[in-house]
PDB file of N, CA and C in Angstrom:
ATOM      1  N   UNK A   1     -24.943  13.748 -14.615  1.00  0.00           N
ATOM      2  CA  UNK A   1     -24.798  12.361 -14.293  1.00  0.00           C
ATOM      3  C   UNK A   1     -26.214  12.493 -13.211  1.00  0.00           C
ATOM      4  N   UNK A   2     -26.884  11.521 -13.565  1.00  0.00           N
ATOM      5  CA  UNK A   2     -28.161  11.567 -12.192  1.00  0.00           C
ATOM      6  C   UNK A   2     -27.623  10.834 -11.087  1.00  0.00           C
ATOM      7  N   UNK A   3     -28.454  11.123  -9.821  1.00  0.00           N
ATOM      8  CA  UNK A   3     -28.095  10.675  -8.946  1.00  0.00           C
ATOM      9  C   UNK A   3     -28.121   8.750  -8.885  1.00  0.00           C
ATOM     10  N   UNK A   4     -29.206   8.269  -9.772  1.00  0.00           N
ATOM     11  CA  UNK A   4     -28.985   7.145  -9.854  1.00  0.00           C
ATOM     12  C   UNK A   4     -28.095   6.417 -10.376  1.00  0.00           C
ATOM     13  N   UNK A   5     -27.821   7.334 -11.488  1.00  0.00           N
ATOM     14  CA  UNK A   5     -26.640   6.279 -12.084  1.00  0.00           C
ATOM     15  C   UNK A   5     -25.282   6.695 -11.503  1.00  0.00           C
ATOM     16  N   UNK A   6     -25.356   7.589 -10.907  1.00  0.00           N
ATOM     17  CA  UNK A   6     -24.015   7.932  -9.984  1.00  0.00           C
ATOM     18  C   UNK A   6     -23.922   6.525  -8.754  1.00  0.00           C
ATOM     19  N   UNK A   7     -25.525   6.278  -8.407  1.00  0.00           N
ATOM     20  CA  UNK A   7     -25.327   5.263  -7.144  1.00  0.00           C
ATOM     21  C   UNK A   7     -25.045   3.821  -7.962  1.00  0.00           C
ATOM     22  N   UNK A   8     -25.521   3.597  -9.207  1.00  0.00           N
ATOM     23  CA  UNK A   8     -25.039   2.224  -9.957  1.00  0.00           C
ATOM     24  C   UNK A   8     -23.466   2.128  -9.969  1.00  0.00           C
ATOM     25  N   UNK A   9     -22.971   3.255 -10.596  1.00  0.00           N
ATOM     26  CA  UNK A   9     -21.390   3.120 -10.587  1.00  0.00           C
ATOM     27  C   UNK A   9     -20.724   3.009  -9.279  1.00  0.00           C
ATOM     28  N   UNK A  10     -21.289   3.637  -8.361  1.00  0.00           N
ATOM     29  CA  UNK A  10     -20.444   3.286  -6.973  1.00  0.00           C
ATOM     30  C   UNK A  10     -21.050   1.936  -6.354  1.00  0.00           C
ATOM     31  N   UNK A  11     -21.795   1.301  -7.104  1.00  0.00           N
ATOM     32  CA  UNK A  11     -22.292   0.014  -6.769  1.00  0.00           C
ATOM     33  C   UNK A  11     -21.293  -0.863  -7.538  1.00  0.00           C
ATOM     34  N   UNK A  12     -21.059  -0.374  -8.707  1.00  0.00           N
ATOM     35  CA  UNK A  12     -19.994  -1.248  -9.760  1.00  0.00           C
ATOM     36  C   UNK A  12     -19.017  -1.113  -9.205  1.00  0.00           C
ATOM     37  N   UNK A  13     -18.576  -0.048  -8.607  1.00  0.00           N
ATOM     38  CA  UNK A  13     -17.094  -0.255  -8.064  1.00  0.00           C
ATOM     39  C   UNK A  13     -16.767  -0.902  -6.853  1.00  0.00           C
ATOM     40  N   UNK A  14     -17.875  -0.605  -6.270  1.00  0.00           N
ATOM     41  CA  UNK A  14     -17.855  -1.646  -4.964  1.00  0.00           C
ATOM     42  C   UNK A  14     -17.705  -3.202  -5.360  1.00  0.00           C
ATOM     43  N   UNK A  15     -18.386  -3.429  -6.403  1.00  0.00           N
ATOM     44  CA  UNK A  15     -18.387  -4.963  -6.654  1.00  0.00           C
ATOM     45  C   UNK A  15     -16.838  -5.144  -7.185  1.00  0.00           C
ATOM     46  N   UNK A  16     -16.292  -4.436  -7.962  1.00  0.00           N
ATOM     47  CA  UNK A  16     -15.231  -4.883  -8.646  1.00  0.00           C
ATOM     48  C   UNK A  16     -13.930  -4.606  -7.494  1.00  0.00           C
ATOM     49  N   UNK A  17     -14.227  -3.830  -6.570  1.00  0.00           N
ATOM     50  CA  UNK A  17     -13.257  -3.696  -5.296  1.00  0.00           C
ATOM     51  C   UNK A  17     -13.414  -5.447  -5.042  1.00  0.00           C
ATOM     52  N   UNK A  18     -14.536  -5.861  -4.467  1.00  0.00           N
ATOM     53  CA  UNK A  18     -14.280  -7.083  -3.849  1.00  0.00           C
ATOM     54  C   UNK A  18     -14.274  -8.064  -4.964  1.00  0.00           C
ATOM     55  N   UNK A  19     -14.262  -8.237  -6.184  1.00  0.00           N
ATOM     56  CA  UNK A  19     -13.737  -9.184  -6.798  1.00  0.00           C
ATOM     57  C   UNK A  19     -12.116  -9.066  -7.063  1.00  0.00           C
ATOM     58  N   UNK A  20     -11.316  -7.624  -6.772  1.00  0.00           N
ATOM     59  CA  UNK A  20      -9.766  -7.300  -6.919  1.00  0.00           C
ATOM     60  C   UNK A  20      -9.559  -8.281  -5.739  1.00  0.00           C
ATOM     61  N   UNK A  21     -10.020  -7.696  -4.632  1.00  0.00           N
ATOM     62  CA  UNK A  21      -9.742  -8.420  -3.345  1.00  0.00           C
ATOM     63  C   UNK A  21      -9.735  -9.758  -3.471  1.00  0.00           C
ATOM     64  N   UNK A  22     -10.593 -10.538  -3.656  1.00  0.00           N
ATOM     65  CA  UNK A  22     -10.820 -11.758  -3.975  1.00  0.00           C
ATOM     66  C   UNK A  22      -9.651 -12.245  -4.653  1.00  0.00           C
ATOM     67  N   UNK A  23      -9.494 -11.719  -5.856  1.00  0.00           N
ATOM     68  CA  UNK A  23      -8.139 -12.200  -6.789  1.00  0.00           C
ATOM     69  C   UNK A  23      -6.835 -12.197  -6.031  1.00  0.00           C
ATOM     70  N   UNK A  24      -6.883 -11.232  -5.137  1.00  0.00           N
ATOM     71  CA  UNK A  24      -5.477 -10.936  -4.707  1.00  0.00           C
ATOM     72  C   UNK A  24      -5.278 -11.700  -3.115  1.00  0.00           C
ATOM     73  N   UNK A  25      -6.320 -12.311  -2.801  1.00  0.00           N
ATOM     74  CA  UNK A  25      -6.255 -13.092  -1.448  1.00  0.00           C
ATOM     75  C   UNK A  25      -5.255 -14.056  -1.444  1.00  0.00           C
ATOM     76  N   UNK A  26      -5.205 -14.788  -2.773  1.00  0.00           N
ATOM     77  CA  UNK A  26      -4.095 -15.710  -3.242  1.00  0.00           C
ATOM     78  C   UNK A  26      -2.544 -15.494  -3.345  1.00  0.00           C
ATOM     79  N   UNK A  27      -2.663 -14.169  -3.637  1.00  0.00           N
ATOM     80  CA  UNK A  27      -1.355 -13.746  -3.948  1.00  0.00           C
ATOM     81  C   UNK A  27      -0.041 -13.343  -2.835  1.00  0.00           C
ATOM     82  N   UNK A  28       0.969 -13.762  -3.137  1.00  0.00           N
ATOM     83  CA  UNK A  28       1.978 -13.430  -2.095  1.00  0.00           C
ATOM     84  C   UNK A  28       3.584 -12.803  -2.916  1.00  0.00           C
ATOM     85  N   UNK A  29       3.957 -12.313  -2.246  1.00  0.00           N
ATOM     86  CA  UNK A  29       5.485 -11.955  -2.697  1.00  0.00           C
ATOM     87  C   UNK A  29       6.695 -12.042  -1.712  1.00  0.00           C
ATOM     88  N   UNK A  30       7.713 -12.509  -2.096  1.00  0.00           N
ATOM     89  CA  UNK A  30       8.796 -12.910  -0.994  1.00  0.00           C
ATOM     90  C   UNK A  30       9.789 -12.329  -1.640  1.00  0.00           C
ATOM     91  N   UNK A  31      10.608 -11.435  -0.310  1.00  0.00           N
ATOM     92  CA  UNK A  31      11.589 -10.411  -0.724  1.00  0.00           C
ATOM     93  C   UNK A  31      12.925 -10.823   0.195  1.00  0.00           C
ATOM     94  N   UNK A  32      14.113 -10.640  -0.292  1.00  0.00           N
ATOM     95  CA  UNK A  32      15.344 -11.015   0.613  1.00  0.00           C
ATOM     96  C   UNK A  32      16.014  -9.898   0.592  1.00  0.00           C
ATOM     97  N   UNK A  33      16.837  -9.579   1.752  1.00  0.00           N
ATOM     98  CA  UNK A  33      17.633  -8.565   2.338  1.00  0.00           C
ATOM     99  C   UNK A  33      18.492  -8.858   2.800  1.00  0.00           C
ATOM    100  N   UNK A  34      19.512  -7.930   3.222  1.00  0.00           N
ATOM    101  CA  UNK A  34      20.552  -8.236   3.975  1.00  0.00           C
ATOM    102  C   UNK A  34      21.571  -9.318   3.560  1.00  0.00           C
ATOM    103  N   UNK A  35      21.801  -9.506   2.369  1.00  0.00           N
ATOM    104  CA  UNK A  35      22.426 -10.655   2.013  1.00  0.00           C
ATOM    105  C   UNK A  35      21.862 -11.946   2.289  1.00  0.00           C
ATOM    106  N   UNK A  36      20.718 -11.691   1.998  1.00  0.00           N
ATOM    107  CA  UNK A  36      19.484 -12.753   2.051  1.00  0.00           C
ATOM    108  C   UNK A  36      19.455 -13.410   3.451  1.00  0.00           C
ATOM    109  N   UNK A  37      19.960 -12.566   4.263  1.00  0.00           N
ATOM    110  CA  UNK A  37      19.605 -12.934   6.231  1.00  0.00           C
ATOM    111  C   UNK A  37      18.286 -12.339   6.447  1.00  0.00           C
ATOM    112  N   UNK A  38      17.529 -11.801   5.867  1.00  0.00           N
ATOM    113  CA  UNK A  38      16.070 -11.196   5.952  1.00  0.00           C
ATOM    114  C   UNK A  38      15.366 -12.062   5.165  1.00  0.00           C
ATOM    115  N   UNK A  39      14.492 -12.473   5.271  1.00  0.00           N
ATOM    116  CA  UNK A  39      13.428 -12.923   3.978  1.00  0.00           C
ATOM    117  C   UNK A  39      11.958 -12.595   4.501  1.00  0.00           C
ATOM    118  N   UNK A  40      10.990 -11.752   3.781  1.00  0.00           N
ATOM    119  CA  UNK A  40       9.775 -11.209   4.107  1.00  0.00           C
ATOM    120  C   UNK A  40       9.015 -11.865   3.084  1.00  0.00           C
ATOM    121  N   UNK A  41       7.804 -12.100   3.580  1.00  0.00           N
ATOM    122  CA  UNK A  41       6.622 -12.642   2.736  1.00  0.00           C
ATOM    123  C   UNK A  41       5.362 -11.788   3.229  1.00  0.00           C
ATOM    124  N   UNK A  42       4.686 -11.129   1.878  1.00  0.00           N
ATOM    125  CA  UNK A  42       3.530 -10.261   2.160  1.00  0.00           C
ATOM    126  C   UNK A  42       2.863 -10.963   1.078  1.00  0.00           C
ATOM    127  N   UNK A  43       1.138 -10.655   1.459  1.00  0.00           N
ATOM    128  CA  UNK A  43       0.305 -11.229   1.185  1.00  0.00           C
ATOM    129  C   UNK A  43      -0.474 -10.021   0.257  1.00  0.00           C
ATOM    130  N   UNK A  44      -1.489 -10.269  -0.302  1.00  0.00           N
ATOM    131  CA  UNK A  44      -2.322  -9.543  -1.386  1.00  0.00           C
ATOM    132  C   UNK A  44      -3.097  -8.317  -0.642  1.00  0.00           C
ATOM    133  N   UNK A  45      -3.199  -8.480   0.757  1.00  0.00           N
ATOM    134  CA  UNK A  45      -3.688  -7.615   1.358  1.00  0.00           C
ATOM    135  C   UNK A  45      -2.633  -6.457   1.984  1.00  0.00           C
ATOM    136  N   UNK A  46      -1.578  -6.657   1.657  1.00  0.00           N
ATOM    137  CA  UNK A  46      -0.296  -6.040   2.217  1.00  0.00           C
ATOM    138  C   UNK A  46       0.178  -6.079   3.487  1.00  0.00           C
ATOM    139  N   UNK A  47      -0.099  -7.231   4.006  1.00  0.00           N
ATOM    140  CA  UNK A  47       0.173  -7.855   5.216  1.00  0.00           C
ATOM    141  C   UNK A  47       1.392  -8.915   5.243  1.00  0.00           C
ATOM    142  N   UNK A  48       1.846  -8.584   5.993  1.00  0.00           N
ATOM    143  CA  UNK A  48       3.478  -9.444   6.102  1.00  0.00           C
ATOM    144  C   UNK A  48       2.998 -10.792   6.898  1.00  0.00           C
ATOM    145  N   UNK A  49       3.189 -11.883   6.223  1.00  0.00           N
ATOM    146  CA  UNK A  49       2.717 -12.869   6.726  1.00  0.00           C
ATOM    147  C   UNK A  49       3.683 -13.928   7.105  1.00  0.00           C
ATOM    148  N   UNK A  50       5.037 -13.363   6.912  1.00  0.00           N
ATOM    149  CA  UNK A  50       6.219 -14.539   7.777  1.00  0.00           C
ATOM    150  C   UNK A  50       7.410 -13.605   7.483  1.00  0.00           C
ATOM    151  N   UNK A  51       8.126 -13.870   8.068  1.00  0.00           N
ATOM    152  CA  UNK A  51       9.624 -13.016   8.536  1.00  0.00           C
ATOM    153  C   UNK A  51      10.558 -14.034   8.861  1.00  0.00           C
ATOM    154  N   UNK A  52      11.796 -14.400   8.324  1.00  0.00           N
ATOM    155  CA  UNK A  52      12.778 -14.976   8.914  1.00  0.00           C
ATOM    156  C   UNK A  52      13.925 -14.321   9.116  1.00  0.00           C
ATOM    157  N   UNK A  53      14.586 -14.445   9.830  1.00  0.00           N
ATOM    158  CA  UNK A  53      15.712 -13.386  10.207  1.00  0.00           C
ATOM    159  C   UNK A  53      16.858 -14.744  10.591  1.00  0.00           C
ATOM    160  N   UNK A  54      18.325 -14.591   9.719  1.00  0.00           N
ATOM    161  CA  UNK A  54      18.829 -15.337  10.177  1.00  0.00           C
ATOM    162  C   UNK A  54      19.796 -15.103  11.752  1.00  0.00           C
ATOM    163  N   UNK A  55      19.966 -15.964  12.622  1.00  0.00           N
ATOM    164  CA  UNK A  55      20.630 -15.710  13.897  1.00  0.00           C
ATOM    165  C   UNK A  55      21.762 -14.454  13.938  1.00  0.00           C
ATOM    166  N   UNK A  56      22.415 -14.616  12.647  1.00  0.00           N
ATOM    167  CA  UNK A  56      23.742 -13.810  12.964  1.00  0.00           C
ATOM    168  C   UNK A  56      23.533 -12.408  12.963  1.00  0.00           C
ATOM    169  N   UNK A  57      22.172 -12.233  12.685  1.00  0.00           N
ATOM    170  CA  UNK A  57      21.706 -10.622  12.558  1.00  0.00           C
ATOM    171  C   UNK A  57      20.992 -10.347  14.107  1.00  0.00           C
ATOM    172  N   UNK A  58      21.075 -11.102  14.806  1.00  0.00           N
ATOM    173  CA  UNK A  58      20.424 -10.757  16.327  1.00  0.00           C
ATOM    174  C   UNK A  58      21.258 -10.254  16.890  1.00  0.00           C
ATOM    175  N   UNK A  59      22.628 -10.585  17.094  1.00  0.00           N
ATOM    176  CA  UNK A  59      23.561  -9.893  18.087  1.00  0.00           C
ATOM    177  C   UNK A  59      23.154  -8.344  17.947  1.00  0.00           C
ATOM    178  N   UNK A  60      23.692  -7.994  19.250  1.00  0.00           N
ATOM    179  CA  UNK A  60      23.438  -6.610  19.604  1.00  0.00           C
ATOM    180  C   UNK A  60      24.136  -5.567  18.865  1.00  0.00           C
ATOM    181  N   UNK A  61      25.377  -6.007  17.843  1.00  0.00           N
ATOM    182  CA  UNK A  61      26.051  -5.173  17.465  1.00  0.00           C
ATOM    183  C   UNK A  61      25.807  -5.522  15.736  1.00  0.00           C
ATOM    184  N   UNK A  62      24.713  -6.069  15.565  1.00  0.00           N
ATOM    185  CA  UNK A  62      23.985  -5.932  14.224  1.00  0.00           C
ATOM    186  C   UNK A  62      22.600  -5.227  14.156  1.00  0.00           C
ATOM    187  N   UNK A  63      22.488  -4.856  15.274  1.00  0.00           N
ATOM    188  CA  UNK A  63      20.702  -4.002  15.235  1.00  0.00           C
ATOM    189  C   UNK A  63      20.821  -3.192  14.205  1.00  0.00           C
ATOM    190  N   UNK A  64      21.746  -2.035  13.826  1.00  0.00           N
ATOM    191  CA  UNK A  64      21.190  -1.377  12.692  1.00  0.00           C
ATOM    192  C   UNK A  64      21.354  -1.850  11.255  1.00  0.00           C
ATOM    193  N   UNK A  65      22.027  -3.067  11.034  1.00  0.00           N
ATOM    194  CA  UNK A  65      21.997  -3.875   9.767  1.00  0.00           C
ATOM    195  C   UNK A  65      20.741  -4.780  10.054  1.00  0.00           C
ATOM    196  N   UNK A  66      20.210  -4.776  10.821  1.00  0.00           N
ATOM    197  CA  UNK A  66      19.032  -5.770  10.986  1.00  0.00           C
ATOM    198  C   UNK A  66      17.774  -4.788  10.337  1.00  0.00           C
ATOM    199  N   UNK A  67      17.967  -3.697  11.074  1.00  0.00           N
ATOM    200  CA  UNK A  67      16.676  -2.712  10.881  1.00  0.00           C
ATOM    201  C   UNK A  67      16.638  -2.288   9.753  1.00  0.00           C
ATOM    202  N   UNK A  68      17.817  -1.936   9.069  1.00  0.00           N
ATOM    203  CA  UNK A  68      18.132  -1.706   7.669  1.00  0.00           C
ATOM    204  C   UNK A  68      17.466  -2.940   6.556  1.00  0.00           C
ATOM    205  N   UNK A  69      17.626  -3.724   6.846  1.00  0.00           N
ATOM    206  CA  UNK A  69      17.649  -5.072   5.909  1.00  0.00           C
ATOM    207  C   UNK A  69      16.082  -5.537   6.197  1.00  0.00           C
ATOM    208  N   UNK A  70      15.325  -5.346   7.264  1.00  0.00           N
ATOM    209  CA  UNK A  70      13.841  -5.354   7.543  1.00  0.00           C
ATOM    210  C   UNK A  70      13.326  -4.286   6.946  1.00  0.00           C
ATOM    211  N   UNK A  71      13.594  -2.909   6.726  1.00  0.00           N
ATOM    212  CA  UNK A  71      12.793  -1.892   6.106  1.00  0.00           C
ATOM    213  C   UNK A  71      13.053  -2.172   4.491  1.00  0.00           C
ATOM    214  N   UNK A  72      14.402  -2.668   4.321  1.00  0.00           N
ATOM    215  CA  UNK A  72      14.699  -2.819   2.820  1.00  0.00           C
ATOM    216  C   UNK A  72      13.418  -4.004   2.151  1.00  0.00           C
ATOM    217  N   UNK A  73      13.473  -4.809   2.898  1.00  0.00           N
ATOM    218  CA  UNK A  73      12.714  -6.160   2.489  1.00  0.00           C
ATOM    219  C   UNK A  73      11.220  -5.782   2.538  1.00  0.00           C
ATOM    220  N   UNK A  74      10.778  -4.699   3.436  1.00  0.00           N
ATOM    221  CA  UNK A  74       9.212  -4.594   3.433  1.00  0.00           C
ATOM    222  C   UNK A  74       9.233  -3.519   2.158  1.00  0.00           C
ATOM    223  N   UNK A  75      10.108  -2.656   2.163  1.00  0.00           N
ATOM    224  CA  UNK A  75       9.916  -1.493   0.720  1.00  0.00           C
ATOM    225  C   UNK A  75       9.947  -2.377  -0.553  1.00  0.00           C
ATOM    226  N   UNK A  76      10.793  -3.264  -0.639  1.00  0.00           N
ATOM    227  CA  UNK A  76      10.777  -4.246  -1.915  1.00  0.00           C
ATOM    228  C   UNK A  76       9.409  -4.959  -1.978  1.00  0.00           C
ATOM    229  N   UNK A  77       8.847  -5.751  -0.829  1.00  0.00           N
ATOM    230  CA  UNK A  77       7.705  -6.589  -1.104  1.00  0.00           C
ATOM    231  C   UNK A  77       6.591  -5.763  -1.148  1.00  0.00           C
ATOM    232  N   UNK A  78       6.551  -4.586  -0.900  1.00  0.00           N
ATOM    233  CA  UNK A  78       5.395  -3.487  -1.135  1.00  0.00           C
ATOM    234  C   UNK A  78       5.535  -3.320  -2.589  1.00  0.00           C
ATOM    235  N   UNK A  79       6.906  -2.631  -3.124  1.00  0.00           N
ATOM    236  CA  UNK A  79       6.751  -2.588  -4.388  1.00  0.00           C
ATOM    237  C   UNK A  79       6.188  -3.676  -5.533  1.00  0.00           C
ATOM    238  N   UNK A  80       6.520  -4.714  -5.112  1.00  0.00           N
ATOM    239  CA  UNK A  80       6.494  -5.933  -5.755  1.00  0.00           C
ATOM    240  C   UNK A  80       4.909  -6.388  -5.876  1.00  0.00           C
ATOM    241  N   UNK A  81       4.281  -6.199  -4.592  1.00  0.00           N
ATOM    242  CA  UNK A  81       2.774  -6.522  -4.459  1.00  0.00           C
ATOM    243  C   UNK A  81       2.177  -5.301  -5.074  1.00  0.00           C
ATOM    244  N   UNK A  82       2.446  -4.193  -5.213  1.00  0.00           N
ATOM    245  CA  UNK A  82       1.698  -2.796  -6.268  1.00  0.00           C
ATOM    246  C   UNK A  82       1.982  -3.412  -7.490  1.00  0.00           C
ATOM    247  N   UNK A  83       3.174  -4.052  -8.140  1.00  0.00           N
ATOM    248  CA  UNK A  83       2.915  -4.459  -9.353  1.00  0.00           C
ATOM    249  C   UNK A  83       1.938  -5.517  -9.826  1.00  0.00           C
ATOM    250  N   UNK A  84       1.829  -6.454  -8.746  1.00  0.00           N
ATOM    251  CA  UNK A  84       0.744  -7.308  -8.844  1.00  0.00           C
ATOM    252  C   UNK A  84      -0.559  -7.038  -8.928  1.00  0.00           C
ATOM    253  N   UNK A  85      -0.627  -6.094  -7.886  1.00  0.00           N
ATOM    254  CA  UNK A  85      -1.756  -5.280  -7.581  1.00  0.00           C
ATOM    255  C   UNK A  85      -2.500  -4.560  -8.966  1.00  0.00           C
ATOM    256  N   UNK A  86      -1.350  -4.021  -9.610  1.00  0.00           N
ATOM    257  CA  UNK A  86      -1.792  -3.455 -10.870  1.00  0.00           C
ATOM    258  C   UNK A  86      -1.988  -4.105 -11.986  1.00  0.00           C
ATOM    259  N   UNK A  87      -1.350  -5.298 -12.375  1.00  0.00           N
ATOM    260  CA  UNK A  87      -1.460  -6.245 -13.048  1.00  0.00           C
ATOM    261  C   UNK A  87      -2.990  -6.796 -12.999  1.00  0.00           C
ATOM    262  N   UNK A  88      -3.331  -7.398 -11.825  1.00  0.00           N
ATOM    263  CA  UNK A  88      -4.700  -7.853 -11.607  1.00  0.00           C
ATOM    264  C   UNK A  88      -6.080  -6.876 -11.696  1.00  0.00           C
ATOM    265  N   UNK A  89      -5.510  -5.353 -11.697  1.00  0.00           N
ATOM    266  CA  UNK A  89      -6.549  -4.411 -12.221  1.00  0.00           C
ATOM    267  C   UNK A  89      -6.692  -4.457 -13.576  1.00  0.00           C
ATOM    268  N   UNK A  90      -5.409  -4.456 -13.922  1.00  0.00           N
ATOM    269  CA  UNK A  90      -5.589  -4.382 -15.366  1.00  0.00           C
ATOM    270  C   UNK A  90      -6.058  -5.668 -16.113  1.00  0.00           C
ATOM    271  N   UNK A  91      -5.995  -7.018 -15.729  1.00  0.00           N
ATOM    272  CA  UNK A  91      -6.397  -8.164 -16.433  1.00  0.00           C
ATOM    273  C   UNK A  91      -8.325  -7.714 -15.857  1.00  0.00           C
ATOM    274  N   UNK A  92      -8.619  -7.133 -15.036  1.00  0.00           N
ATOM    275  CA  UNK A  92     -10.182  -7.097 -14.745  1.00  0.00           C
ATOM    276  C   UNK A  92     -10.713  -5.778 -15.564  1.00  0.00           C
ATOM    277  N   UNK A  93      -9.911  -5.121 -16.254  1.00  0.00           N
ATOM    278  CA  UNK A  93     -10.253  -3.897 -16.909  1.00  0.00           C
ATOM    279  C   UNK A  93     -10.322  -2.731 -16.223  1.00  0.00           C
ATOM    280  N   UNK A  94      -9.486  -2.733 -15.236  1.00  0.00           N
ATOM    281  CA  UNK A  94      -9.374  -1.592 -14.814  1.00  0.00           C
ATOM    282  C   UNK A  94     -10.468  -1.333 -14.040  1.00  0.00           C
ATOM    283  N   UNK A  95     -10.856   0.153 -13.505  1.00  0.00           N
ATOM    284  CA  UNK A  95     -11.932   0.604 -12.461  1.00  0.00           C
ATOM    285  C   UNK A  95     -12.732   1.543 -13.322  1.00  0.00           C
ATOM    286  N   UNK A  96     -13.879   1.747 -13.254  1.00  0.00           N
ATOM    287  CA  UNK A  96     -15.039   2.996 -13.849  1.00  0.00           C
ATOM    288  C   UNK A  96     -13.941   4.006 -13.317  1.00  0.00           C
ATOM    289  N   UNK A  97     -13.965   5.304 -14.015  1.00  0.00           N
ATOM    290  CA  UNK A  97     -13.499   6.384 -13.954  1.00  0.00           C
ATOM    291  C   UNK A  97     -11.723   6.494 -14.128  1.00  0.00           C
ATOM    292  N   UNK A  98     -10.981   5.274 -14.180  1.00  0.00           N
ATOM    293  CA  UNK A  98      -9.580   5.334 -13.763  1.00  0.00           C
ATOM    294  C   UNK A  98      -9.400   5.205 -15.554  1.00  0.00           C
ATOM    295  N   UNK A  99      -8.198   6.289 -15.707  1.00  0.00           N
ATOM    296  CA  UNK A  99      -7.389   5.872 -17.100  1.00  0.00           C
ATOM    297  C   UNK A  99      -6.874   4.688 -17.274  1.00  0.00           C
ATOM    298  N   UNK A 100      -7.252   4.224 -18.914  1.00  0.00           N
ATOM    299  CA  UNK A 100      -6.530   2.723 -18.873  1.00  0.00           C
ATOM    300  C   UNK A 100      -5.246   3.217 -19.520  1.00  0.00           C
ATOM    301  N   UNK A 101      -4.129   2.276 -19.329  1.00  0.00           N
ATOM    302  CA  UNK A 101      -2.840   2.338 -19.620  1.00  0.00           C
ATOM    303  C   UNK A 101      -2.726   1.329 -21.036  1.00  0.00           C
TER     304      UNK A 101
END
């Protein structure tokens, strides 16, 4: 493969990446954990945009339960968003050099 074709492929990959980023910018997932006492929202850039915690979990004796609920909510949101990202990538035809499923 010539250097010119590699540069074109790299440019195409960057353009597809920008399109994917734009497509994901409006996506969000919301998860609940700790018996719905922790609610977490994540956007398509994998940033946490909102966290709501039931005041009951703010008591000092509930510290471990709160920590676990936040961790569980984050992990669940991340998995959900990864599925959204994979779906968007598939809709866009994947990326050059990546196997199609």
